[in-house]
């Protein structure tokens, strides 16, 4: 089951980067949510809006090079941003149609502790490893932060490059969260508006914000107007 879910979503995960005088500085992960070229990611990754790019990589099962010297980077703009809940909606600047699965956006409300989950992201993108990692785990708990953000805690250790990627409910194949980082209770529960998390070597628990905040941005952008 994990293999099928992984293949379903890997092609929609893109590296998020910023153009720096012709070179690309890796930021994290973004994932496609609409055929008109919209993606979701973590808002704190795109606090600076200039020069943003997304980079697709191979989603097949063949052995890949660790890194690529040349990549097909596409310019993106920030369409909507919810800094309180750390979610941003991006739009690829060039007009294109992207294939997306049917009925793939779920809700954190449907996740129960113990549910099988899967994260996708460019975990080691900062180390120039340009491949998506599929990591399985299970839901550890659901909590609300000090500013009432709905968080899904899960028992796998994400890395900085995973941030912005999708958290997927394995049973129904729905995206239920947007990965925010390693769970550090003092920072998350303090209500700090700074969503950039320090790595926390002592914990294997990570967290994602409920995908409902992402679908709210999509709705405000008019992407569900034909519902």
Protein backbone atom coordinates (compact mmCIF):
# COMPACT_ATOMS: atom_id res chain seq x y z
CA UNK A 1 0.00 0.00 0.00
CA UNK A 2 2.79 2.43 0.87
CA UNK A 3 4.39 1.86 -2.53
CA UNK A 4 1.22 2.80 -4.40
CA UNK A 5 0.58 5.90 -2.28
CA UNK A 6 4.20 6.99 -2.68
CA UNK A 7 4.06 6.70 -6.48
CA UNK A 8 0.76 8.56 -6.53
CA UNK A 9 2.24 11.66 -4.88
CA UNK A 10 5.98 11.68 -5.60
CA UNK A 11 5.57 13.32 -9.00
CA UNK A 12 3.69 16.21 -7.39
CA UNK A 13 6.46 17.00 -4.87
CA UNK A 14 8.85 19.70 -6.05
CA UNK A 15 11.96 21.26 -4.62
CA UNK A 16 11.40 24.84 -3.49
CA UNK A 17 14.35 27.15 -4.06
CA UNK A 18 15.34 30.79 -4.53
CA UNK A 19 17.31 32.17 -7.47
CA UNK A 20 20.55 33.65 -6.16
CA UNK A 21 22.41 35.30 -9.05
CA UNK A 22 21.84 32.31 -11.31
CA UNK A 23 22.38 29.68 -8.62
CA UNK A 24 19.53 28.03 -6.72
CA UNK A 25 19.43 28.11 -2.93
CA UNK A 26 17.34 25.19 -1.67
CA UNK A 27 14.52 26.15 0.73
CA UNK A 28 12.34 23.08 1.25
CA UNK A 29 9.46 21.20 -0.37
CA UNK A 30 6.22 22.24 -2.08
CA UNK A 31 3.51 20.01 -3.54
CA UNK A 32 0.98 20.40 -6.34
CA UNK A 33 -2.66 20.80 -5.28
CA UNK A 34 -4.40 22.09 -8.42
CA UNK A 35 -4.04 21.45 -12.18
CA UNK A 36 -3.58 25.18 -12.90
CA UNK A 37 -0.16 25.09 -11.25
CA UNK A 38 -0.95 25.82 -7.62
CA UNK A 39 1.15 24.37 -4.82
CA UNK A 40 1.13 24.41 -1.04
CA UNK A 41 4.13 24.82 1.25
CA UNK A 42 5.08 26.28 4.64
CA UNK A 43 4.65 30.05 4.83
CA UNK A 44 7.92 30.74 6.66
CA UNK A 45 9.88 29.29 3.72
CA UNK A 46 8.57 32.04 1.44
CA UNK A 47 8.73 35.05 3.77
CA UNK A 48 10.92 36.63 1.09
CA UNK A 49 8.89 36.45 -2.10
CA UNK A 50 11.50 37.43 -4.71
CA UNK A 51 13.17 34.85 -6.94
CA UNK A 52 11.15 31.82 -5.87
CA UNK A 53 11.48 28.70 -8.03
CA UNK A 54 10.20 25.14 -7.98
CA UNK A 55 12.12 22.23 -9.45
CA UNK A 56 10.55 18.91 -10.48
CA UNK A 57 12.64 15.75 -10.27
CA UNK A 58 12.13 12.18 -11.39
CA UNK A 59 9.37 10.26 -9.59
CA UNK A 60 10.23 6.85 -11.03
CA UNK A 61 11.69 3.83 -9.29
CA UNK A 62 15.06 3.87 -11.03
CA UNK A 63 18.31 4.73 -9.24
CA UNK A 64 18.90 8.48 -9.42
CA UNK A 65 22.04 10.61 -9.15
CA UNK A 66 22.43 12.15 -5.70
CA UNK A 67 22.33 15.63 -7.22
CA UNK A 68 21.79 17.28 -10.59
CA UNK A 69 24.07 19.92 -12.10
CA UNK A 70 21.26 21.30 -14.26
CA UNK A 71 17.59 21.45 -13.37
CA UNK A 72 14.42 22.83 -14.98
CA UNK A 73 13.48 25.53 -12.48
CA UNK A 74 10.10 27.25 -12.85
CA UNK A 75 9.31 30.68 -11.39
CA UNK A 76 6.52 30.80 -8.80
CA UNK A 77 4.69 33.59 -7.00
CA UNK A 78 3.00 33.65 -3.60
CA UNK A 79 -0.75 33.70 -4.30
CA UNK A 80 -1.96 33.54 -0.68
CA UNK A 81 -0.23 33.24 2.67
CA UNK A 82 -1.48 32.41 6.17
CA UNK A 83 1.42 33.21 8.48
CA UNK A 84 -0.57 32.47 11.64
CA UNK A 85 -0.89 28.82 10.60
CA UNK A 86 2.31 28.66 8.52
CA UNK A 87 0.72 27.82 5.16
CA UNK A 88 1.32 29.41 1.75
CA UNK A 89 -0.34 28.89 -1.63
CA UNK A 90 2.04 29.29 -4.58
CA UNK A 91 1.31 29.65 -8.29
CA UNK A 92 3.65 28.64 -11.11
CA UNK A 93 4.07 31.76 -13.26
CA UNK A 94 3.93 30.07 -16.66
CA UNK A 95 0.57 28.83 -17.91
CA UNK A 96 0.37 25.06 -17.80
CA UNK A 97 -1.90 22.18 -16.90
CA UNK A 98 -0.68 19.65 -14.36
CA UNK A 99 -2.18 16.23 -13.76
CA UNK A 100 -3.37 15.79 -10.17
CA UNK A 101 -5.15 12.81 -8.57
CA UNK A 102 -8.89 12.92 -8.05
CA UNK A 103 -10.13 13.47 -4.49
CA UNK A 104 -6.72 13.64 -2.82
CA UNK A 105 -7.13 16.45 -0.27
CA UNK A 106 -8.45 15.24 3.07
CA UNK A 107 -8.72 16.80 6.53
CA UNK A 108 -6.89 16.46 9.80
CA UNK A 109 -10.26 15.81 11.39
CA UNK A 110 -10.19 12.33 9.84
CA UNK A 111 -6.86 11.35 11.42
CA UNK A 112 -7.01 9.29 14.63
CA UNK A 113 -4.03 8.47 16.88
CA UNK A 114 -2.43 5.28 15.59
CA UNK A 115 -3.35 5.95 11.95
CA UNK A 116 -0.67 5.06 9.39
CA UNK A 117 0.86 8.18 7.83
CA UNK A 118 3.47 8.88 5.20
CA UNK A 119 5.58 11.97 4.66
CA UNK A 120 7.21 13.06 1.41
CA UNK A 121 9.91 15.65 1.02
CA UNK A 122 13.42 16.54 -0.10
CA UNK A 123 14.80 15.74 3.35
CA UNK A 124 18.46 16.31 2.45
CA UNK A 125 18.03 19.01 -0.16
CA UNK A 126 20.25 21.34 1.87
CA UNK A 127 23.00 18.75 1.41
CA UNK A 128 22.34 18.73 -2.37
CA UNK A 129 20.64 15.35 -2.42
CA UNK A 130 17.91 15.95 -4.99
CA UNK A 131 15.52 13.09 -4.39
CA UNK A 132 12.23 12.76 -2.56
CA UNK A 133 12.25 10.59 0.53
CA UNK A 134 9.19 8.52 1.45
CA UNK A 135 8.96 7.90 5.21
CA UNK A 136 6.25 5.95 7.01
CA UNK A 137 5.01 6.44 10.56
CA UNK A 138 1.84 6.77 12.55
CA UNK A 139 -0.19 9.54 14.13
CA UNK A 140 0.95 10.11 17.71
CA UNK A 141 -1.55 12.80 18.75
CA UNK A 142 -3.55 15.81 17.61
CA UNK A 143 -3.16 19.05 19.54
CA UNK A 144 -3.89 22.76 19.28
CA UNK A 145 -1.06 25.24 19.69
CA UNK A 146 -1.29 28.39 21.80
CA UNK A 147 -2.72 30.30 18.80
CA UNK A 148 -5.25 27.47 18.22
CA UNK A 149 -3.44 25.97 15.21
CA UNK A 150 -4.45 22.34 14.65
CA UNK A 151 -1.33 20.17 14.65
CA UNK A 152 -0.84 16.50 13.80
CA UNK A 153 2.05 14.89 15.67
CA UNK A 154 3.62 11.82 14.06
CA UNK A 155 6.41 9.46 14.99
CA UNK A 156 9.01 9.92 12.26
CA UNK A 157 11.97 12.28 12.31
CA UNK A 158 11.61 14.80 9.49
CA UNK A 159 14.51 16.96 8.38
CA UNK A 160 14.65 20.61 7.36
CA UNK A 161 14.27 19.77 3.67
CA UNK A 162 10.98 17.96 4.35
CA UNK A 163 9.33 21.16 5.54
CA UNK A 164 6.48 22.20 3.26
CA UNK A 165 5.86 18.65 2.02
CA UNK A 166 2.65 16.63 2.35
CA UNK A 167 1.63 14.35 5.21
CA UNK A 168 -0.55 11.59 3.78
CA UNK A 169 -3.15 9.37 5.46
CA UNK A 170 -2.23 5.94 4.11
CA UNK A 171 -5.62 4.24 4.51
CA UNK A 172 -7.55 6.61 2.23
CA UNK A 173 -4.64 8.17 0.29
CA UNK A 174 -5.54 11.74 1.26
CA UNK A 175 -3.18 14.57 2.12
CA UNK A 176 -4.03 15.57 5.70
CA UNK A 177 -1.21 17.92 6.67
CA UNK A 178 1.64 20.20 5.63
CA UNK A 179 4.91 19.30 7.30
CA UNK A 180 6.25 21.99 9.62
CA UNK A 181 9.26 20.33 11.24
CA UNK A 182 10.50 18.49 14.31
CA UNK A 183 8.27 18.85 17.34
CA UNK A 184 9.82 20.94 20.11
CA UNK A 185 7.15 21.54 22.75
CA UNK A 186 8.53 24.75 24.25
CA UNK A 187 8.60 26.50 20.87
CA UNK A 188 5.30 25.21 19.51
CA UNK A 189 3.30 25.74 22.68
CA UNK A 190 4.73 29.17 23.42
CA UNK A 191 2.54 30.69 20.71
CA UNK A 192 5.58 32.21 19.00
CA UNK A 193 4.85 33.58 15.54
CA UNK A 194 8.30 32.41 14.42
CA UNK A 195 7.62 29.09 12.68
CA UNK A 196 11.28 28.42 11.87
CA UNK A 197 12.10 25.48 14.11
CA UNK A 198 15.49 24.52 15.43
CA UNK A 199 16.40 20.87 14.98
CA UNK A 200 15.65 18.89 18.11
CA UNK A 201 18.05 15.93 18.27
CA UNK A 202 16.33 14.40 21.30
CA UNK A 203 12.95 13.70 19.72
CA UNK A 204 11.66 11.47 16.94
CA UNK A 205 8.31 13.26 16.92
CA UNK A 206 7.51 15.65 14.06
CA UNK A 207 4.44 17.74 13.32
CA UNK A 208 2.32 19.03 10.47
CA UNK A 209 -0.38 21.68 10.34
CA UNK A 210 -3.85 20.55 9.29
CA UNK A 211 -4.37 20.60 5.52
CA UNK A 212 -7.65 22.44 6.20
CA UNK A 213 -5.64 25.68 6.39
CA UNK A 214 -4.32 25.00 2.91
CA UNK A 215 -7.72 24.24 1.44
CA UNK A 216 -9.00 27.48 3.03
CA UNK A 217 -6.38 29.40 1.05
CA UNK A 218 -7.38 27.54 -2.11
CA UNK A 219 -11.02 28.40 -1.49
CA UNK A 220 -10.19 32.10 -0.99
CA UNK A 221 -8.30 31.97 -4.30
CA UNK A 222 -11.49 30.73 -6.00
CA UNK A 223 -10.16 27.27 -6.84
CA UNK A 224 -13.30 25.51 -5.61
CA UNK A 225 -15.79 27.90 -7.22
CA UNK A 226 -17.46 25.08 -9.18
CA UNK A 227 -18.24 23.00 -6.10
